[in-house]
Amino acid sequence: MDKDSVSNLGIAQQTAAELLATGNIEKKEIAQTVGVSRTTLYNWMKKDDNFNAEVDRLKREHRNFGHQLIESKLVDAVNGYWKLISESNNDMVKKSGYEFFIERSLGKLSNKTEISVDNTVTKVDEDILDTEHVRWLKDMGDVVEAEFKEIE
């Protein structure tokens, strides 16, 4: 959405879009806060494409901010968790922590191996098989005959 579309929204709509995007406030309270009726707010939500586009843009912006915040702390969190595991005096805590890391990286540990075998037999048409065999024998005979002629 471009800035012109946002500027087409009034202050009440801009504020309502921001409040809706947070997802923490009831629509009745949003309508009261921006000074409109619930019907007006619902009409904006159902009929005003610019308003809905702004709400969607703000939701994406909030979500992206949250993801960036979490990603920025992830390395510290993993290092802190690893430090707790490695410095623990309890062997069971260490074992559980190491298993967690291994399973997150490589998948769940297992001693069980499942093997499935398909024992279905495909019926072969004997006429086709015989025809192929005869053709192969003929081709092999031609090859042997050609090699024999080269030797002579």
Foldseek 3Di string as FASTA:
>chain_A
DDPVLVVVDDPLLLQLLLVVLVVPDDLCVSCVVSVHHSVVVVCCVPPPPSSVVSSVVNNVVVVVVVVVVCVVCVVVVVVVLVCCLVPDPDPVSVVVSVQVVCCVVPNHDDPDDDDDDDPDDDDDDVVVVVVVVVVVVVVVVVVVVVVVVVVD
